[in-house]
Amino acid sequence: EDPQAWVHARVEGRQEYTQLLYVPSRAPFDLWDRNARHGVKLYVRRVFIMDDAEQLLPAYLRFVRGVVDSSDLPLNVSREILQESKDIEAIRAGCTKKVLGLLEGLAENDKEKYAAFWKAFGRVLKEGVGEDFANQERIAGLLRLASTHSDSAEETVSLADYVARMKEGQEAIYYVTADTFNAARNSPHLEVFRKKGIEVLLLSDRVDEWVVSHLAEFGGKPLESVARGGLDLGKLEDEDEKKAIERESAELKGLTDRIKASLGERVKDVRVTHRLTESPACLVADEHDPSGNLARLLKAAGQGAPASKPILEINPGHPVIERLKREEAKFDDWASVLFDQALLAEGGSLDDPAAFVRRINALMLDLGGGASRIVLPG
């Protein structure tokens, strides 16, 4: 098959070498096999030395194929020598810059072809954000992501596009991570952002947690998770809203303390929030704690996540919270269901699903038996 793009260059100076590099039109079947060798062919003065010389390109460009012909390396070069050679480091840096330049040209001049490239190799390229700090800004510029702007799973939004569309007074690039696109798009953490018309990046690839943990900012704008506690929208939030939250927090302190006591060790804190407009509650991570999605990914990979507890934030205007204010007999059941629903809404799994079902059934029967009813929105 014809490649999507290619670059041919002869480098002269301290090192002399010729590079002919191709970006394939589709991903190979073993792209994600960590034991498979990937790399370009190495020649020395037109004498073939080895296949798959992975030292000539970083791992996040392992989809690139081609040939490098050096005039400086010895003919008896081995893989061990390649790992320690200063000449190889220079060739590696030169090849990396050529490939990134090729991709930048493709992204700028042929968006349709770049979209096809991103669909095939985008997840691999994302690894470079955390692996290649020298080229991190260039790699970040090549990223294509889903966002609430298009509300589609198609990854077409660049960080430059996002920054260009930022609202006046917006100081950060906002994102949410989840296991699936639908979980990200329907996250309760997005409610206040949709209300204010603020775009949020929807990140659902496993590698996205790796990306945002290493990419602190882009274009001078910090990246900020909408699922972090202490959300501050800065100039996008007027003084009346801030005063209303302070007033409601003081009025509901008795309720939040009671919910916290009921949930015990399951939460770090319970507080009133302004980020919710439709949901009764959500879970957020403290500033320096791992997100719920990252903790789930680490667990799925067989690694223990750092011990941390989420913060439960409640929506003071929601009918469920109004019901909780009046509840006495089954307050613990209501509080537990509120927490479990918030955990499910952010893509988590219940530690005891059977207990959740029993509580739901008991509360449904109680409401259906003539007790005070609650009317939920919608």
Protein backbone atom coordinates (compact mmCIF):
# COMPACT_ATOMS: atom_id res chain seq x y z
CA GLU A 1 0.00 0.00 0.00
CA ASP A 2 1.01 3.60 -0.54
CA PRO A 3 2.06 5.37 2.68
CA GLN A 4 0.06 8.27 4.11
CA ALA A 5 3.18 10.46 4.07
CA TRP A 6 6.95 10.22 3.74
CA VAL A 7 10.09 12.29 4.16
CA HIS A 8 13.52 11.94 2.51
CA ALA A 9 16.50 13.98 3.66
CA ARG A 10 20.30 13.91 3.64
CA VAL A 11 21.96 15.33 6.75
CA GLU A 12 25.53 16.63 6.63
CA GLY A 13 27.68 18.14 9.35
CA ARG A 14 28.97 16.47 12.53
CA GLN A 15 27.01 13.37 11.50
CA GLU A 16 26.31 12.32 7.95
CA TYR A 17 23.31 10.15 7.25
CA THR A 18 20.40 9.75 4.88
CA GLN A 19 16.87 9.14 6.13
CA LEU A 20 13.87 7.84 4.23
CA LEU A 21 10.90 7.54 6.59
CA TYR A 22 7.30 6.50 5.93
CA VAL A 23 4.04 6.82 7.87
CA PRO A 24 1.98 3.73 6.89
CA SER A 25 -1.61 4.03 5.78
CA ARG A 26 -2.84 1.64 8.47
CA ALA A 27 -1.71 0.28 11.83
CA PRO A 28 0.09 -3.10 11.88
CA PHE A 29 -1.61 -5.89 13.81
CA ASP A 30 1.22 -6.05 16.37
CA LEU A 31 1.36 -2.32 17.14
CA TRP A 32 0.34 -2.94 20.77
CA ASP A 33 2.51 -6.04 21.26
CA ARG A 34 5.24 -4.89 23.65
CA ASN A 35 7.44 -7.89 22.77
CA ALA A 36 7.39 -7.20 19.04
CA ARG A 37 10.29 -5.20 17.61
CA HIS A 38 9.44 -1.97 15.84
CA GLY A 39 11.81 0.41 14.13
CA VAL A 40 13.50 1.39 10.92
CA LYS A 41 16.21 -0.47 8.98
CA LEU A 42 19.79 0.60 9.66
CA TYR A 43 22.47 0.72 6.98
CA VAL A 44 26.10 1.83 7.30
CA ARG A 45 27.59 3.15 4.05
CA ARG A 46 24.86 1.28 2.15
CA VAL A 47 25.63 -2.03 3.89
CA PHE A 48 22.60 -3.52 5.63
CA ILE A 49 23.17 -3.87 9.38
CA MET A 50 19.86 -4.71 11.06
CA ASP A 51 16.06 -4.68 10.86
CA ASP A 52 13.96 -2.90 13.47
CA ALA A 53 16.65 -0.65 14.96
CA GLU A 54 14.34 0.71 17.66
CA GLN A 55 17.08 3.04 19.01
CA LEU A 56 16.69 5.27 15.94
CA LEU A 57 13.18 6.46 16.93
CA PRO A 58 11.36 6.83 20.27
CA ALA A 59 8.73 4.24 21.22
CA TYR A 60 5.80 6.58 20.56
CA LEU A 61 6.86 6.73 16.86
CA ARG A 62 7.13 2.94 16.55
CA PHE A 63 4.62 2.96 13.68
CA VAL A 64 7.16 4.72 11.39
CA ARG A 65 8.90 2.56 8.77
CA GLY A 66 11.91 3.36 6.63
CA VAL A 67 15.67 3.37 6.25
CA VAL A 68 18.55 5.27 7.86
CA ASP A 69 21.95 5.03 6.12
CA SER A 70 24.83 6.35 8.27
CA SER A 71 28.31 7.26 7.08
CA ASP A 72 29.84 7.43 10.57
CA LEU A 73 28.93 4.21 12.39
CA PRO A 74 31.27 1.18 12.30
CA LEU A 75 30.21 -1.79 10.19
CA ASN A 76 30.33 -4.10 13.21
CA VAL A 77 27.85 -2.02 15.20
CA SER A 78 25.55 -4.01 17.52
CA ARG A 79 22.33 -3.22 19.39
CA GLU A 80 24.36 -2.79 22.59
CA ILE A 81 26.64 -0.24 20.94
CA LEU A 82 23.62 1.60 19.52
CA GLN A 83 22.26 2.17 23.03
CA GLU A 84 25.41 4.05 24.09
CA SER A 85 26.37 5.84 20.86
CA LYS A 86 26.34 9.65 20.72
CA ASP A 87 25.96 9.41 16.96
CA ILE A 88 22.79 7.36 17.41
CA GLU A 89 21.40 9.96 19.84
CA ALA A 90 21.93 12.67 17.21
CA ILE A 91 20.31 10.53 14.48
CA ARG A 92 17.40 9.72 16.79
CA ALA A 93 16.81 13.42 17.55
CA GLY A 94 17.02 14.29 13.85
CA CYS A 95 14.61 11.55 12.78
CA THR A 96 12.15 12.49 15.52
CA LYS A 97 12.08 16.13 14.45
CA LYS A 98 11.63 15.14 10.82
CA VAL A 99 8.65 12.90 11.61
CA LEU A 100 7.01 15.51 13.86
CA GLY A 101 7.54 18.14 11.16
CA LEU A 102 5.97 15.80 8.61
CA LEU A 103 2.92 15.28 10.86
CA GLU A 104 2.60 19.02 11.52
CA GLY A 105 2.58 19.68 7.78
CA LEU A 106 -0.02 16.98 7.30
CA ALA A 107 -2.23 18.39 10.08
CA GLU A 108 -2.04 21.91 8.63
CA ASN A 109 -2.33 21.18 4.92
CA ASP A 110 -4.42 18.00 4.64
CA LYS A 111 -6.86 17.70 7.54
CA GLU A 112 -8.66 14.72 6.03
CA LYS A 113 -5.46 12.69 5.68
CA TYR A 114 -4.36 13.71 9.18
CA ALA A 115 -7.72 12.56 10.57
CA ALA A 116 -7.07 9.14 9.01
CA PHE A 117 -3.58 9.11 10.53
CA TRP A 118 -4.95 10.06 13.95
CA LYS A 119 -7.56 7.31 13.85
CA ALA A 120 -4.85 4.72 13.16
CA PHE A 121 -1.98 5.98 15.32
CA GLY A 122 -3.31 8.70 17.62
CA ARG A 123 -3.22 6.64 20.82
CA VAL A 124 0.43 5.75 20.18
CA LEU A 125 1.41 9.37 19.53
CA LYS A 126 -0.22 10.40 22.83
CA GLU A 127 2.44 8.39 24.68
CA GLY A 128 5.02 10.95 23.57
CA VAL A 129 3.57 13.64 25.83
CA GLY A 130 5.02 11.82 28.82
CA GLU A 131 8.06 10.26 27.13
CA ASP A 132 9.61 13.10 25.13
CA PHE A 133 9.75 16.29 27.18
CA ALA A 134 12.00 18.01 24.64
CA ASN A 135 9.23 17.80 22.03
CA GLN A 136 6.24 17.83 24.40
CA GLU A 137 4.79 21.12 23.13
CA ARG A 138 4.98 19.94 19.50
CA ILE A 139 3.35 16.61 20.32
CA ALA A 140 0.63 18.38 22.32
CA GLY A 141 -0.09 20.51 19.26
CA LEU A 142 -0.65 17.34 17.23
CA LEU A 143 -3.21 15.88 19.65
CA ARG A 144 -6.80 15.52 18.49
CA LEU A 145 -9.48 15.05 21.16
CA ALA A 146 -13.24 14.86 21.61
CA SER A 147 -14.99 17.75 23.35
CA THR A 148 -18.40 19.13 24.24
CA HIS A 149 -18.05 21.58 21.33
CA SER A 150 -18.96 18.87 18.82
CA ASP A 151 -20.51 16.52 21.42
CA SER A 152 -19.26 13.64 19.26
CA ALA A 153 -16.92 10.73 19.93
CA GLU A 154 -14.86 11.78 16.89
CA GLU A 155 -11.48 13.12 18.02
CA THR A 156 -11.17 16.26 15.90
CA VAL A 157 -10.45 19.08 18.38
CA SER A 158 -6.88 20.31 18.76
CA LEU A 159 -5.71 22.14 21.87
CA ALA A 160 -5.06 25.18 19.69
CA ASP A 161 -8.71 25.07 18.54
CA TYR A 162 -9.84 24.86 22.16
CA VAL A 163 -7.71 27.84 23.25
CA ALA A 164 -8.99 29.90 20.30
CA ARG A 165 -12.60 29.24 21.39
CA MET A 166 -12.08 29.96 25.11
CA LYS A 167 -14.62 32.33 26.60
CA GLU A 168 -13.53 35.78 27.73
CA GLY A 169 -12.23 35.47 31.27
CA GLN A 170 -11.60 31.70 31.02
CA GLU A 171 -8.20 30.91 32.47
CA ALA A 172 -7.86 27.12 32.09
CA ILE A 173 -8.36 24.25 29.64
CA TYR A 174 -10.98 22.00 31.25
CA TYR A 175 -11.20 18.24 30.75
CA VAL A 176 -12.94 15.18 32.17
CA THR A 177 -11.62 11.60 32.05
CA ALA A 178 -13.78 8.45 32.06
CA ASP A 179 -13.80 4.81 30.97
CA THR A 180 -16.04 5.46 27.95
CA PHE A 181 -17.05 8.42 25.83
CA ASN A 182 -20.68 8.29 27.01
CA ALA A 183 -19.55 8.24 30.64
CA ALA A 184 -17.45 11.34 29.97
CA ARG A 185 -20.14 13.15 27.98
CA ASN A 186 -22.84 12.50 30.61
CA SER A 187 -20.66 13.14 33.64
CA PRO A 188 -22.46 15.23 36.30
CA HIS A 189 -19.26 17.28 36.63
CA LEU A 190 -20.07 18.92 33.28
CA GLU A 191 -23.41 20.41 34.31
CA VAL A 192 -22.23 23.88 35.30
CA PHE A 193 -19.95 24.00 32.24
CA ARG A 194 -22.84 23.24 29.90
CA LYS A 195 -24.93 25.87 31.67
CA LYS A 196 -22.23 28.52 31.15
CA GLY A 197 -21.33 27.34 27.62
CA ILE A 198 -17.74 26.41 28.53
CA GLU A 199 -16.10 23.76 26.34
CA VAL A 200 -14.72 20.67 28.09
CA LEU A 201 -12.44 18.01 26.59
CA LEU A 202 -13.92 14.49 26.83
CA LEU A 203 -11.08 12.01 27.40
CA SER A 204 -11.94 8.31 27.39
CA ASP A 205 -8.77 6.54 26.16
CA ARG A 206 -6.76 4.75 28.83
CA VAL A 207 -3.65 6.65 27.77
CA ASP A 208 -5.41 9.99 28.40
CA GLU A 209 -4.77 9.79 32.15
CA TRP A 210 -1.07 9.47 31.31
CA VAL A 211 -1.30 12.47 28.98
CA VAL A 212 -2.95 14.88 31.43
CA SER A 213 -0.68 13.78 34.29
CA HIS A 214 2.35 14.97 32.27
CA LEU A 215 0.90 17.90 30.31
CA ALA A 216 0.53 20.74 32.80
CA GLU A 217 -0.32 23.46 30.29
CA PHE A 218 -0.66 24.34 26.63
CA GLY A 219 -0.18 27.78 25.14
CA GLY A 220 0.21 29.26 28.62
CA LYS A 221 -3.16 27.84 29.75
CA PRO A 222 -3.14 25.22 32.54
CA LEU A 223 -5.07 21.98 32.10
CA GLU A 224 -7.61 21.48 34.88
CA SER A 225 -9.85 18.50 35.63
CA VAL A 226 -13.53 19.30 36.21
CA ALA A 227 -13.60 16.37 38.68
CA ARG A 228 -11.20 18.05 41.11
CA GLY A 229 -12.41 19.53 44.37
CA GLY A 230 -12.38 23.26 44.93
CA LEU A 231 -13.49 24.15 41.40
CA ASP A 232 -12.86 27.84 40.77
CA LEU A 233 -14.18 29.28 37.52
CA GLY A 234 -12.51 32.60 38.26
CA LYS A 235 -13.91 35.47 36.20
CA LEU A 236 -16.59 33.19 34.72
CA GLU A 237 -18.30 33.11 38.11
CA ASP A 238 -19.98 36.26 39.40
CA GLU A 239 -19.94 37.47 42.99
CA ASP A 240 -23.63 36.68 43.54
CA GLU A 241 -23.00 32.99 42.79
CA LYS A 242 -20.06 32.87 45.20
CA LYS A 243 -22.07 34.53 47.96
CA ALA A 244 -24.99 32.15 47.36
CA ILE A 245 -22.72 29.11 47.80
CA GLU A 246 -21.23 30.55 50.99
CA ARG A 247 -24.72 31.22 52.36
CA GLU A 248 -26.03 27.76 51.45
CA SER A 249 -22.92 26.07 52.84
CA ALA A 250 -23.55 27.77 56.18
CA GLU A 251 -27.28 26.92 56.11
CA LEU A 252 -26.68 23.24 55.26
CA LYS A 253 -23.70 22.65 57.55
CA GLY A 254 -25.85 20.55 59.85
CA LEU A 255 -26.96 18.37 56.92
CA THR A 256 -23.47 17.95 55.43
CA ASP A 257 -22.06 17.03 58.84
CA ARG A 258 -24.84 14.49 59.30
CA ILE A 259 -24.22 12.92 55.87
CA LYS A 260 -20.49 12.74 56.57
CA ALA A 261 -21.11 11.03 59.90
CA SER A 262 -23.49 8.57 58.23
CA LEU A 263 -21.05 7.64 55.43
CA GLY A 264 -18.09 7.44 57.81
CA GLU A 265 -14.87 6.22 56.20
CA ARG A 266 -16.31 6.21 52.68
CA VAL A 267 -15.76 9.96 52.21
CA LYS A 268 -13.13 12.53 53.11
CA ASP A 269 -15.65 15.35 53.33
CA VAL A 270 -19.19 16.40 52.37
CA ARG A 271 -19.87 19.91 51.11
CA VAL A 272 -22.20 22.09 49.07
CA THR A 273 -21.27 22.68 45.42
CA HIS A 274 -22.20 25.01 42.58
CA ARG A 275 -21.03 22.62 39.81
CA LEU A 276 -24.33 20.66 39.69
CA THR A 277 -27.57 21.81 38.06
CA GLU A 278 -29.48 18.54 37.53
CA SER A 279 -27.81 15.83 39.64
CA PRO A 280 -28.23 15.64 43.42
CA ALA A 281 -24.56 14.84 44.15
CA CYS A 282 -21.19 14.00 42.65
CA LEU A 283 -17.83 12.70 43.80
CA VAL A 284 -14.65 14.73 43.35
CA ALA A 285 -11.01 14.06 44.15
CA ASP A 286 -9.05 16.26 46.51
CA GLU A 287 -6.40 18.46 44.90
CA HIS A 288 -3.46 16.05 45.32
CA ASP A 289 -5.36 12.73 45.26
CA PRO A 290 -5.62 10.48 42.18
CA SER A 291 -8.85 10.77 40.23
CA GLY A 292 -11.43 8.02 40.49
CA ASN A 293 -10.77 7.03 36.87
CA LEU A 294 -7.01 6.74 37.45
CA ALA A 295 -7.58 4.63 40.57
CA ARG A 296 -9.79 2.27 38.54
CA LEU A 297 -7.17 2.01 35.77
CA LEU A 298 -4.43 1.18 38.27
CA LYS A 299 -6.63 -1.46 39.88
CA ALA A 300 -7.44 -3.02 36.49
CA ALA A 301 -3.69 -3.16 35.74
CA GLY A 302 -3.06 -5.02 39.00
CA GLN A 303 -1.47 -2.02 40.72
CA GLY A 304 -2.58 -0.57 44.02
CA ALA A 305 -3.74 3.04 43.85
CA PRO A 306 -2.61 5.38 46.63
CA ALA A 307 -5.06 5.29 49.53
CA SER A 308 -7.52 8.16 49.19
CA LYS A 309 -11.18 8.92 49.81
CA PRO A 310 -13.45 11.01 47.56
CA ILE A 311 -15.29 14.19 48.53
CA LEU A 312 -19.08 14.11 48.18
CA GLU A 313 -20.52 17.37 46.85
CA ILE A 314 -24.27 17.96 47.06
CA ASN A 315 -26.59 20.16 45.03
CA PRO A 316 -28.52 22.30 47.56
CA GLY A 317 -31.42 22.94 45.16
CA HIS A 318 -32.15 19.33 44.23
CA PRO A 319 -35.37 17.67 45.52
CA VAL A 320 -33.39 14.70 46.88
CA ILE A 321 -31.40 17.04 49.12
CA GLU A 322 -34.63 18.75 50.17
CA ARG A 323 -35.99 15.28 51.08
CA LEU A 324 -32.86 14.50 53.10
CA LYS A 325 -33.39 17.61 55.24
CA ARG A 326 -36.71 16.18 56.48
CA GLU A 327 -35.69 12.52 56.71
CA GLU A 328 -35.25 10.90 60.11
CA ALA A 329 -36.05 7.17 60.09
CA LYS A 330 -34.09 6.12 56.99
CA PHE A 331 -31.52 8.89 56.77
CA ASP A 332 -28.58 6.43 56.60
CA ASP A 333 -30.19 4.58 53.67
CA TRP A 334 -30.80 7.83 51.77
CA ALA A 335 -27.24 9.01 52.39
CA SER A 336 -25.78 5.69 51.27
CA VAL A 337 -27.89 5.64 48.09
CA LEU A 338 -26.85 9.23 47.35
CA PHE A 339 -23.17 8.24 47.59
CA ASP A 340 -23.62 5.05 45.51
CA GLN A 341 -25.48 6.92 42.76
CA ALA A 342 -22.71 9.52 42.60
CA LEU A 343 -20.14 6.71 42.36
CA LEU A 344 -22.04 5.02 39.51
CA ALA A 345 -22.52 8.32 37.66
CA GLU A 346 -18.76 8.86 37.45
CA GLY A 347 -18.16 5.31 36.13
CA GLY A 348 -17.21 3.60 39.39
CA SER A 349 -18.35 0.20 40.62
CA LEU A 350 -20.10 -0.57 43.89
CA ASP A 351 -18.32 -2.49 46.59
CA ASP A 352 -21.63 -4.14 47.62
CA PRO A 353 -24.18 -4.01 44.77
CA ALA A 354 -26.65 -6.27 46.62
CA ALA A 355 -26.85 -3.82 49.54
CA PHE A 356 -27.48 -0.97 47.08
CA VAL A 357 -30.37 -2.91 45.50
CA ARG A 358 -31.88 -3.68 48.91
CA ARG A 359 -31.78 -0.03 49.93
CA ILE A 360 -33.33 1.11 46.64
CA ASN A 361 -36.12 -1.46 46.95
CA ALA A 362 -36.81 -0.51 50.56
CA LEU A 363 -36.99 3.21 49.73
CA MET A 364 -39.22 2.56 46.70
CA LEU A 365 -41.63 0.53 48.83
CA ASP A 366 -41.59 3.20 51.51
CA LEU A 367 -42.41 5.94 49.00
CA GLY A 368 -45.09 3.79 47.39
CA GLY A 369 -46.75 3.02 50.69
CA GLY A 370 -48.17 6.48 51.29
CA ALA A 371 -45.11 8.18 52.78
CA SER A 372 -44.20 11.64 51.61
CA ARG A 373 -43.37 11.45 47.96
CA ILE A 374 -40.50 13.02 46.10
CA VAL A 375 -40.78 14.37 42.57
CA LEU A 376 -37.55 14.17 40.58
CA PRO A 377 -36.81 16.45 37.62
CA GLY A 378 -37.81 14.97 34.27
